[in-house]
């Protein structure tokens, strides 16, 4: 807990404004206590019951859509469950993506893709990292702790189109 010493009213006001600005930055769900006059008896506890949460499916969908935007990524490679869903006509936009949320509310992303034959995989990896990190941050404010990209297959665009039918 930061304490503010009272020296003169102008300095104190500047310190209070700086402390309130820092305390207002979203870190976690901890309560923020502000002591504006340096007197411990007048502390006011500020709590919030508001919350914003995302299902893993939403995060996975954002990641999958961002990954598909990257040049030379032909498609996503899902697991057996995704295959079964597709056989029944369901389009699964999160295919090939799984996410894990860390204790500090950051996200570890696992992505499985099919890339174009002849493309340089390290460049694709860098572009996927950049695109996913940017999209998740812009849309959710979540920080990415790590991205694991698994190249499942390499195909020509013609081969990929033929395999989709």
N, C-alpha and C. Protein backbone atom coordinates (compact mmCIF):
# COMPACT_ATOMS: atom_id res chain seq x y z
N UNK A 1 0.85 -1.17 0.00
CA UNK A 1 0.00 0.00 0.00
C UNK A 1 0.89 1.23 0.00
N UNK A 2 0.70 2.09 -0.93
CA UNK A 2 1.49 3.30 -1.00
C UNK A 2 0.91 4.33 -0.06
N UNK A 3 1.79 5.00 0.66
CA UNK A 3 1.34 6.07 1.55
C UNK A 3 1.81 7.39 0.98
N UNK A 4 0.99 8.41 1.15
CA UNK A 4 1.32 9.72 0.63
C UNK A 4 1.54 10.65 1.82
N UNK A 5 2.75 11.22 1.89
CA UNK A 5 3.04 12.16 2.97
C UNK A 5 2.50 13.53 2.59
N UNK A 6 1.99 14.24 3.56
CA UNK A 6 1.44 15.56 3.29
C UNK A 6 2.53 16.59 3.54
N UNK A 7 2.97 17.29 2.47
CA UNK A 7 3.98 18.33 2.62
C UNK A 7 3.32 19.68 2.38
N UNK A 8 2.93 19.97 1.17
CA UNK A 8 2.09 21.14 0.94
C UNK A 8 0.95 20.70 0.05
N UNK A 9 -0.10 21.47 -0.04
CA UNK A 9 -1.31 21.01 -0.72
C UNK A 9 -1.10 20.77 -2.20
N UNK A 10 -0.23 21.54 -2.88
CA UNK A 10 -0.01 21.34 -4.31
C UNK A 10 0.75 20.03 -4.56
N UNK A 11 1.82 19.79 -3.78
CA UNK A 11 2.56 18.54 -3.92
C UNK A 11 1.67 17.34 -3.58
N UNK A 12 0.88 17.46 -2.53
CA UNK A 12 0.01 16.37 -2.12
C UNK A 12 -1.01 16.07 -3.20
N UNK A 13 -1.60 17.10 -3.79
CA UNK A 13 -2.59 16.89 -4.86
C UNK A 13 -1.95 16.18 -6.04
N UNK A 14 -0.72 16.56 -6.43
CA UNK A 14 -0.02 15.90 -7.53
C UNK A 14 0.24 14.42 -7.19
N UNK A 15 0.66 14.16 -5.95
CA UNK A 15 0.93 12.79 -5.53
C UNK A 15 -0.35 11.95 -5.53
N UNK A 16 -1.44 12.54 -5.05
CA UNK A 16 -2.72 11.83 -5.02
C UNK A 16 -3.16 11.49 -6.44
N UNK A 17 -3.06 12.45 -7.35
CA UNK A 17 -3.47 12.20 -8.74
C UNK A 17 -2.61 11.10 -9.36
N UNK A 18 -1.30 11.13 -9.10
CA UNK A 18 -0.42 10.10 -9.64
C UNK A 18 -0.75 8.74 -9.05
N UNK A 19 -0.99 8.67 -7.73
CA UNK A 19 -1.31 7.41 -7.09
C UNK A 19 -2.64 6.85 -7.61
N UNK A 20 -3.65 7.71 -7.76
CA UNK A 20 -4.96 7.27 -8.25
C UNK A 20 -4.83 6.76 -9.69
N UNK A 21 -4.03 7.42 -10.52
CA UNK A 21 -3.84 6.98 -11.90
C UNK A 21 -3.19 5.61 -11.95
N UNK A 22 -2.17 5.38 -11.10
CA UNK A 22 -1.51 4.09 -11.06
C UNK A 22 -2.45 3.03 -10.51
N UNK A 23 -3.21 3.35 -9.48
CA UNK A 23 -4.12 2.39 -8.86
C UNK A 23 -5.26 2.03 -9.80
N UNK A 24 -5.61 2.91 -10.72
CA UNK A 24 -6.72 2.65 -11.63
C UNK A 24 -6.35 1.72 -12.77
N UNK A 25 -5.05 1.48 -12.99
CA UNK A 25 -4.64 0.57 -14.05
C UNK A 25 -5.07 -0.84 -13.69
N UNK A 26 -5.69 -1.58 -14.65
CA UNK A 26 -6.19 -2.91 -14.33
C UNK A 26 -5.06 -3.92 -14.14
N UNK A 27 -4.91 -4.41 -12.92
CA UNK A 27 -3.92 -5.45 -12.65
C UNK A 27 -4.64 -6.76 -12.36
N UNK A 28 -5.51 -6.76 -11.38
CA UNK A 28 -6.26 -7.95 -11.02
C UNK A 28 -7.51 -7.51 -10.29
N UNK A 29 -8.14 -8.41 -9.58
CA UNK A 29 -9.39 -8.09 -8.89
C UNK A 29 -9.15 -7.58 -7.47
N UNK A 30 -7.94 -7.19 -7.13
CA UNK A 30 -7.64 -6.72 -5.78
C UNK A 30 -8.31 -5.38 -5.52
N UNK A 31 -8.70 -5.19 -4.29
CA UNK A 31 -9.29 -3.91 -3.91
C UNK A 31 -8.21 -2.85 -3.85
N UNK A 32 -8.57 -1.63 -4.18
CA UNK A 32 -7.63 -0.51 -4.17
C UNK A 32 -8.03 0.41 -3.04
N UNK A 33 -7.07 0.73 -2.18
CA UNK A 33 -7.32 1.64 -1.08
C UNK A 33 -6.58 2.94 -1.35
N UNK A 34 -7.29 4.06 -1.23
CA UNK A 34 -6.69 5.36 -1.46
C UNK A 34 -6.76 6.16 -0.18
N UNK A 35 -5.59 6.63 0.29
CA UNK A 35 -5.50 7.46 1.49
C UNK A 35 -5.01 8.83 1.06
N UNK A 36 -5.93 9.75 0.81
CA UNK A 36 -5.58 11.04 0.21
C UNK A 36 -4.96 12.01 1.20
N UNK A 37 -5.30 11.93 2.49
CA UNK A 37 -4.79 12.94 3.41
C UNK A 37 -3.70 12.41 4.34
N UNK A 38 -3.23 11.20 4.13
CA UNK A 38 -2.16 10.65 4.94
C UNK A 38 -2.64 10.16 6.29
N UNK A 39 -3.94 10.21 6.55
CA UNK A 39 -4.51 9.81 7.82
C UNK A 39 -5.09 8.42 7.69
N UNK A 40 -4.57 7.45 8.42
CA UNK A 40 -4.99 6.05 8.30
C UNK A 40 -6.44 5.83 8.75
N UNK A 41 -7.01 6.74 9.53
CA UNK A 41 -8.36 6.53 10.04
C UNK A 41 -9.44 6.72 8.97
N UNK A 42 -9.13 7.44 7.90
CA UNK A 42 -10.14 7.77 6.90
C UNK A 42 -10.02 6.95 5.62
N UNK A 43 -9.43 5.76 5.70
CA UNK A 43 -9.29 4.95 4.50
C UNK A 43 -10.65 4.48 4.01
N UNK A 44 -10.82 4.53 2.70
CA UNK A 44 -12.06 4.07 2.09
C UNK A 44 -11.73 2.90 1.17
N UNK A 45 -12.38 1.78 1.39
CA UNK A 45 -12.13 0.60 0.58
C UNK A 45 -13.02 0.66 -0.66
N UNK A 46 -12.38 0.58 -1.83
CA UNK A 46 -13.12 0.63 -3.09
C UNK A 46 -13.13 -0.77 -3.68
N UNK A 47 -14.30 -1.36 -3.82
CA UNK A 47 -14.42 -2.69 -4.38
C UNK A 47 -15.34 -2.65 -5.59
N UNK A 48 -15.13 -3.60 -6.49
CA UNK A 48 -15.97 -3.67 -7.67
C UNK A 48 -16.53 -5.08 -7.80
N UNK A 49 -17.82 -5.16 -8.13
CA UNK A 49 -18.44 -6.46 -8.36
C UNK A 49 -18.58 -6.71 -9.86
N UNK A 50 -18.08 -5.81 -10.70
CA UNK A 50 -18.15 -5.97 -12.14
C UNK A 50 -17.12 -7.01 -12.59
N UNK A 51 -17.42 -7.70 -13.67
CA UNK A 51 -16.44 -8.64 -14.20
C UNK A 51 -16.64 -8.81 -15.70
N UNK A 52 -15.56 -9.15 -16.36
CA UNK A 52 -15.58 -9.45 -17.79
C UNK A 52 -14.81 -10.74 -17.97
N UNK A 53 -15.46 -11.75 -18.50
CA UNK A 53 -14.79 -13.02 -18.73
C UNK A 53 -15.03 -13.46 -20.16
N UNK A 54 -14.13 -14.29 -20.67
CA UNK A 54 -14.24 -14.84 -22.01
C UNK A 54 -14.22 -16.35 -21.90
N UNK A 55 -15.08 -17.01 -22.65
CA UNK A 55 -14.99 -18.47 -22.69
C UNK A 55 -13.76 -18.81 -23.53
N UNK A 56 -13.21 -19.99 -23.29
CA UNK A 56 -12.06 -20.42 -24.08
C UNK A 56 -12.42 -20.47 -25.56
N UNK A 57 -13.67 -20.79 -25.87
CA UNK A 57 -14.10 -20.85 -27.26
C UNK A 57 -13.98 -19.52 -27.97
N UNK A 58 -14.25 -18.44 -27.28
CA UNK A 58 -14.12 -17.10 -27.88
C UNK A 58 -12.66 -16.80 -28.17
N UNK A 59 -11.80 -17.08 -27.22
CA UNK A 59 -10.37 -16.84 -27.42
C UNK A 59 -9.85 -17.71 -28.56
N UNK A 60 -10.26 -18.98 -28.57
CA UNK A 60 -9.84 -19.89 -29.64
C UNK A 60 -10.31 -19.41 -31.01
N UNK A 61 -11.51 -18.89 -31.08
CA UNK A 61 -12.05 -18.40 -32.35
C UNK A 61 -11.26 -17.19 -32.85
N UNK A 62 -10.94 -16.27 -31.97
CA UNK A 62 -10.13 -15.10 -32.35
C UNK A 62 -8.77 -15.55 -32.86
N UNK A 63 -8.15 -16.49 -32.15
CA UNK A 63 -6.84 -17.01 -32.54
C UNK A 63 -6.92 -17.67 -33.92
N UNK A 64 -7.94 -18.52 -34.12
CA UNK A 64 -8.08 -19.22 -35.40
C UNK A 64 -8.29 -18.25 -36.54
N UNK A 65 -9.13 -17.24 -36.34
CA UNK A 65 -9.40 -16.27 -37.40
C UNK A 65 -8.15 -15.45 -37.71
N UNK A 66 -7.41 -15.07 -36.69
CA UNK A 66 -6.18 -14.31 -36.90
C UNK A 66 -5.14 -15.16 -37.63
N UNK A 67 -5.06 -16.44 -37.28
CA UNK A 67 -4.09 -17.33 -37.93
C UNK A 67 -4.43 -17.52 -39.41
N UNK A 68 -5.70 -17.63 -39.72
CA UNK A 68 -6.12 -17.81 -41.12
C UNK A 68 -5.81 -16.58 -41.97
N UNK A 69 -5.63 -15.42 -41.34
CA UNK A 69 -5.29 -14.19 -42.08
C UNK A 69 -3.84 -14.20 -42.58
N UNK A 70 -3.00 -15.05 -42.02
CA UNK A 70 -1.58 -15.06 -42.34
C UNK A 70 -1.35 -15.70 -43.71
N UNK A 71 -0.60 -15.02 -44.59
CA UNK A 71 -0.30 -15.61 -45.89
C UNK A 71 0.41 -16.96 -45.75
N UNK A 72 0.10 -17.88 -46.64
CA UNK A 72 0.68 -19.22 -46.72
C UNK A 72 0.15 -20.19 -45.68
N UNK A 73 -0.77 -19.74 -44.81
CA UNK A 73 -1.49 -20.68 -43.95
C UNK A 73 -2.71 -21.11 -44.74
N UNK A 74 -2.73 -22.38 -45.13
CA UNK A 74 -3.83 -22.87 -45.95
C UNK A 74 -5.04 -23.26 -45.11
N UNK A 75 -4.81 -23.77 -43.93
CA UNK A 75 -5.91 -24.19 -43.09
C UNK A 75 -5.43 -24.64 -41.73
N UNK A 76 -6.38 -25.07 -40.95
CA UNK A 76 -6.11 -25.51 -39.59
C UNK A 76 -6.30 -27.02 -39.53
N UNK A 77 -5.57 -27.66 -38.65
CA UNK A 77 -5.63 -29.11 -38.52
C UNK A 77 -6.20 -29.43 -37.15
N UNK A 78 -7.39 -30.02 -37.12
CA UNK A 78 -8.04 -30.33 -35.86
C UNK A 78 -7.79 -31.75 -35.41
N UNK A 79 -8.45 -32.10 -34.34
CA UNK A 79 -8.34 -33.45 -33.80
C UNK A 79 -9.51 -34.30 -34.26
N UNK A 80 -9.65 -35.49 -33.74
CA UNK A 80 -10.70 -36.42 -34.13
C UNK A 80 -12.09 -35.83 -33.90
N UNK A 81 -12.27 -35.12 -32.80
CA UNK A 81 -13.58 -34.53 -32.51
C UNK A 81 -13.97 -33.52 -33.59
N UNK A 82 -13.02 -32.71 -34.04
CA UNK A 82 -13.31 -31.75 -35.10
C UNK A 82 -13.70 -32.48 -36.38
N UNK A 83 -13.01 -33.60 -36.67
CA UNK A 83 -13.32 -34.39 -37.86
C UNK A 83 -14.75 -34.90 -37.81
N UNK A 84 -15.16 -35.45 -36.67
CA UNK A 84 -16.51 -35.98 -36.51
C UNK A 84 -17.54 -34.87 -36.67
N UNK A 85 -17.28 -33.70 -36.06
CA UNK A 85 -18.21 -32.58 -36.19
C UNK A 85 -18.38 -32.17 -37.65
N UNK A 86 -17.28 -32.14 -38.38
CA UNK A 86 -17.34 -31.76 -39.79
C UNK A 86 -18.11 -32.79 -40.61
N UNK A 87 -18.03 -34.07 -40.24
CA UNK A 87 -18.75 -35.10 -40.96
C UNK A 87 -20.26 -34.92 -40.83
N UNK A 88 -20.69 -34.29 -39.75
CA UNK A 88 -22.11 -34.03 -39.54
C UNK A 88 -22.50 -32.63 -40.02
N UNK A 89 -21.61 -31.99 -40.76
CA UNK A 89 -21.92 -30.71 -41.37
C UNK A 89 -21.64 -29.49 -40.53
N UNK A 90 -21.09 -29.66 -39.37
CA UNK A 90 -20.80 -28.51 -38.51
C UNK A 90 -19.46 -27.90 -38.89
N UNK A 91 -19.46 -26.59 -39.10
CA UNK A 91 -18.19 -25.91 -39.37
C UNK A 91 -17.60 -25.48 -38.04
N UNK A 92 -16.39 -25.91 -37.77
CA UNK A 92 -15.77 -25.60 -36.49
C UNK A 92 -14.68 -24.57 -36.72
N UNK A 93 -14.97 -23.32 -36.33
CA UNK A 93 -14.02 -22.24 -36.55
C UNK A 93 -12.83 -22.29 -35.61
N UNK A 94 -12.91 -23.09 -34.55
CA UNK A 94 -11.80 -23.16 -33.59
C UNK A 94 -10.92 -24.37 -33.85
N UNK A 95 -11.15 -25.06 -34.94
CA UNK A 95 -10.37 -26.26 -35.27
C UNK A 95 -8.89 -25.91 -35.29
N UNK A 96 -8.08 -26.74 -34.64
CA UNK A 96 -6.64 -26.56 -34.64
C UNK A 96 -6.11 -25.61 -33.58
N UNK A 97 -6.97 -25.15 -32.69
CA UNK A 97 -6.54 -24.19 -31.66
C UNK A 97 -6.97 -24.66 -30.29
N UNK A 98 -6.07 -24.56 -29.34
CA UNK A 98 -6.43 -24.75 -27.93
C UNK A 98 -5.72 -23.66 -27.13
N UNK A 99 -6.34 -23.24 -26.05
CA UNK A 99 -5.75 -22.20 -25.21
C UNK A 99 -5.74 -22.65 -23.76
N UNK A 100 -4.77 -22.14 -23.04
CA UNK A 100 -4.66 -22.37 -21.60
C UNK A 100 -4.47 -21.00 -20.96
N UNK A 101 -5.21 -20.75 -19.88
CA UNK A 101 -5.07 -19.49 -19.16
C UNK A 101 -4.18 -19.74 -17.96
N UNK A 102 -3.14 -18.92 -17.81
CA UNK A 102 -2.19 -19.08 -16.70
C UNK A 102 -2.77 -18.46 -15.43
N UNK A 103 -2.10 -18.69 -14.32
CA UNK A 103 -2.56 -18.15 -13.03
C UNK A 103 -2.59 -16.62 -13.03
N UNK A 104 -1.74 -15.99 -13.84
CA UNK A 104 -1.70 -14.53 -13.88
C UNK A 104 -2.54 -13.98 -15.04
N UNK A 105 -3.54 -14.74 -15.49
CA UNK A 105 -4.49 -14.34 -16.53
C UNK A 105 -3.85 -14.01 -17.87
N UNK A 106 -2.79 -14.71 -18.20
CA UNK A 106 -2.22 -14.61 -19.54
C UNK A 106 -2.60 -15.88 -20.28
N UNK A 107 -2.44 -15.87 -21.58
CA UNK A 107 -2.91 -16.97 -22.40
C UNK A 107 -1.75 -17.66 -23.11
N UNK A 108 -1.72 -18.99 -23.04
CA UNK A 108 -0.80 -19.81 -23.82
C UNK A 108 -1.64 -20.42 -24.94
N UNK A 109 -1.19 -20.23 -26.18
CA UNK A 109 -1.96 -20.64 -27.35
C UNK A 109 -1.23 -21.77 -28.08
N UNK A 110 -1.96 -22.82 -28.42
CA UNK A 110 -1.44 -23.94 -29.21
C UNK A 110 -2.21 -23.98 -30.52
N UNK A 111 -1.48 -23.92 -31.64
CA UNK A 111 -2.11 -23.85 -32.96
C UNK A 111 -1.51 -24.92 -33.86
N UNK A 112 -2.37 -25.65 -34.58
CA UNK A 112 -1.93 -26.65 -35.57
C UNK A 112 -2.41 -26.20 -36.94
N UNK A 113 -1.46 -26.07 -37.88
CA UNK A 113 -1.81 -25.52 -39.20
C UNK A 113 -1.28 -26.39 -40.34
N UNK A 114 -1.86 -26.14 -41.50
CA UNK A 114 -1.37 -26.68 -42.75
C UNK A 114 -0.85 -25.48 -43.54
N UNK A 115 0.43 -25.56 -43.97
CA UNK A 115 0.99 -24.42 -44.69
C UNK A 115 1.24 -24.79 -46.15
N UNK A 116 1.45 -23.75 -46.92
CA UNK A 116 1.69 -23.91 -48.35
C UNK A 116 3.09 -24.45 -48.60
N UNK A 117 3.16 -25.45 -49.48
CA UNK A 117 4.45 -26.01 -49.86
C UNK A 117 5.33 -24.91 -50.47
N UNK A 118 6.59 -24.84 -50.04
CA UNK A 118 7.53 -23.85 -50.55
C UNK A 118 7.63 -22.60 -49.69
N UNK A 119 6.70 -22.43 -48.74
CA UNK A 119 6.74 -21.25 -47.87
C UNK A 119 7.76 -21.48 -46.75
N UNK A 120 8.34 -20.39 -46.27
CA UNK A 120 9.35 -20.46 -45.21
C UNK A 120 8.65 -20.46 -43.85
N UNK A 121 8.67 -21.60 -43.18
CA UNK A 121 7.93 -21.79 -41.93
C UNK A 121 8.30 -20.80 -40.83
N UNK A 122 9.58 -20.47 -40.61
CA UNK A 122 9.89 -19.49 -39.55
C UNK A 122 9.23 -18.13 -39.78
N UNK A 123 9.11 -17.69 -41.04
CA UNK A 123 8.41 -16.42 -41.30
C UNK A 123 6.92 -16.54 -40.98
N UNK A 124 6.33 -17.68 -41.32
CA UNK A 124 4.92 -17.90 -41.00
C UNK A 124 4.72 -17.87 -39.49
N UNK A 125 5.63 -18.51 -38.75
CA UNK A 125 5.54 -18.53 -37.28
C UNK A 125 5.58 -17.11 -36.72
N UNK A 126 6.52 -16.30 -37.20
CA UNK A 126 6.63 -14.92 -36.71
C UNK A 126 5.37 -14.12 -37.03
N UNK A 127 4.82 -14.30 -38.22
CA UNK A 127 3.62 -13.58 -38.62
C UNK A 127 2.41 -14.04 -37.79
N UNK A 128 2.31 -15.34 -37.52
CA UNK A 128 1.22 -15.85 -36.68
C UNK A 128 1.33 -15.26 -35.28
N UNK A 129 2.53 -15.28 -34.70
CA UNK A 129 2.72 -14.71 -33.35
C UNK A 129 2.29 -13.25 -33.31
N UNK A 130 2.75 -12.49 -34.29
CA UNK A 130 2.43 -11.06 -34.34
C UNK A 130 0.93 -10.83 -34.49
N UNK A 131 0.33 -11.55 -35.42
CA UNK A 131 -1.10 -11.35 -35.71
C UNK A 131 -1.97 -11.78 -34.54
N UNK A 132 -1.71 -12.93 -33.95
CA UNK A 132 -2.51 -13.44 -32.84
C UNK A 132 -2.37 -12.53 -31.62
N UNK A 133 -1.15 -12.14 -31.31
CA UNK A 133 -0.91 -11.26 -30.16
C UNK A 133 -1.64 -9.93 -30.34
N UNK A 134 -1.57 -9.38 -31.54
CA UNK A 134 -2.22 -8.10 -31.82
C UNK A 134 -3.73 -8.23 -31.71
N UNK A 135 -4.31 -9.25 -32.33
CA UNK A 135 -5.77 -9.41 -32.34
C UNK A 135 -6.31 -9.70 -30.93
N UNK A 136 -5.65 -10.59 -30.19
CA UNK A 136 -6.12 -10.88 -28.84
C UNK A 136 -6.05 -9.63 -27.95
N UNK A 137 -4.94 -8.91 -28.06
CA UNK A 137 -4.80 -7.70 -27.25
C UNK A 137 -5.84 -6.66 -27.61
N UNK A 138 -6.07 -6.46 -28.90
CA UNK A 138 -7.01 -5.43 -29.36
C UNK A 138 -8.45 -5.78 -29.01
N UNK A 139 -8.79 -7.05 -29.07
CA UNK A 139 -10.17 -7.45 -28.85
C UNK A 139 -10.51 -7.79 -27.41
N UNK A 140 -9.53 -8.29 -26.65
CA UNK A 140 -9.83 -8.74 -25.28
C UNK A 140 -8.98 -8.06 -24.21
N UNK A 141 -7.85 -7.50 -24.60
CA UNK A 141 -6.93 -6.94 -23.61
C UNK A 141 -6.07 -8.00 -22.95
N UNK A 142 -6.22 -9.26 -23.36
CA UNK A 142 -5.43 -10.34 -22.77
C UNK A 142 -4.00 -10.32 -23.31
N UNK A 143 -3.08 -10.68 -22.45
CA UNK A 143 -1.68 -10.77 -22.83
C UNK A 143 -1.35 -12.21 -23.18
N UNK A 144 -0.58 -12.40 -24.23
CA UNK A 144 -0.19 -13.73 -24.67
C UNK A 144 1.10 -14.11 -23.96
N UNK A 145 1.07 -15.23 -23.23
CA UNK A 145 2.25 -15.72 -22.53
C UNK A 145 3.14 -16.54 -23.46
N UNK A 146 2.53 -17.18 -24.47
CA UNK A 146 3.31 -17.98 -25.39
C UNK A 146 2.45 -18.52 -26.50
N UNK A 147 3.08 -18.75 -27.64
CA UNK A 147 2.40 -19.33 -28.79
C UNK A 147 3.21 -20.52 -29.27
N UNK A 148 2.54 -21.64 -29.39
CA UNK A 148 3.15 -22.87 -29.91
C UNK A 148 2.49 -23.18 -31.24
N UNK A 149 3.27 -23.13 -32.32
CA UNK A 149 2.74 -23.39 -33.65
C UNK A 149 3.26 -24.74 -34.11
N UNK A 150 2.34 -25.61 -34.49
CA UNK A 150 2.70 -26.94 -34.97
C UNK A 150 2.31 -27.03 -36.44
N UNK A 151 3.30 -27.29 -37.30
CA UNK A 151 3.04 -27.47 -38.72
C UNK A 151 2.64 -28.93 -38.91
N UNK A 152 1.38 -29.17 -39.24
CA UNK A 152 0.86 -30.53 -39.38
C UNK A 152 1.06 -31.09 -40.78
N UNK A 153 1.09 -30.20 -41.80
CA UNK A 153 1.22 -30.68 -43.16
C UNK A 153 1.65 -29.53 -44.06
N UNK A 154 2.25 -29.88 -45.19
CA UNK A 154 2.54 -28.90 -46.24
C UNK A 154 1.88 -29.41 -47.52
N UNK A 155 1.14 -28.53 -48.16
CA UNK A 155 0.41 -28.88 -49.37
C UNK A 155 0.49 -27.73 -50.36
N UNK A 156 0.33 -28.05 -51.63
CA UNK A 156 0.16 -26.97 -52.61
C UNK A 156 -1.27 -26.47 -52.45
N UNK A 157 -1.55 -25.24 -52.87
CA UNK A 157 -2.94 -24.75 -52.79
C UNK A 157 -3.92 -25.67 -53.52
N UNK A 158 -3.49 -26.25 -54.63
CA UNK A 158 -4.36 -27.16 -55.39
C UNK A 158 -4.66 -28.43 -54.60
N UNK A 159 -3.63 -28.99 -53.96
CA UNK A 159 -3.83 -30.18 -53.14
C UNK A 159 -4.77 -29.89 -51.98
N UNK A 160 -4.59 -28.72 -51.37
CA UNK A 160 -5.45 -28.36 -50.23
C UNK A 160 -6.89 -28.22 -50.67
N UNK A 161 -7.13 -27.54 -51.80
CA UNK A 161 -8.49 -27.38 -52.31
C UNK A 161 -9.11 -28.74 -52.59
N UNK A 162 -8.35 -29.67 -53.17
CA UNK A 162 -8.83 -31.01 -53.45
C UNK A 162 -9.16 -31.80 -52.20
N UNK A 163 -8.41 -31.58 -51.14
CA UNK A 163 -8.64 -32.31 -49.89
C UNK A 163 -9.85 -31.79 -49.13
N UNK A 164 -10.26 -30.57 -49.40
CA UNK A 164 -11.40 -29.97 -48.72
C UNK A 164 -12.74 -30.47 -49.26
N UNK A 165 -12.75 -30.99 -50.48
CA UNK A 165 -14.01 -31.41 -51.10
C UNK A 165 -14.46 -32.75 -50.66
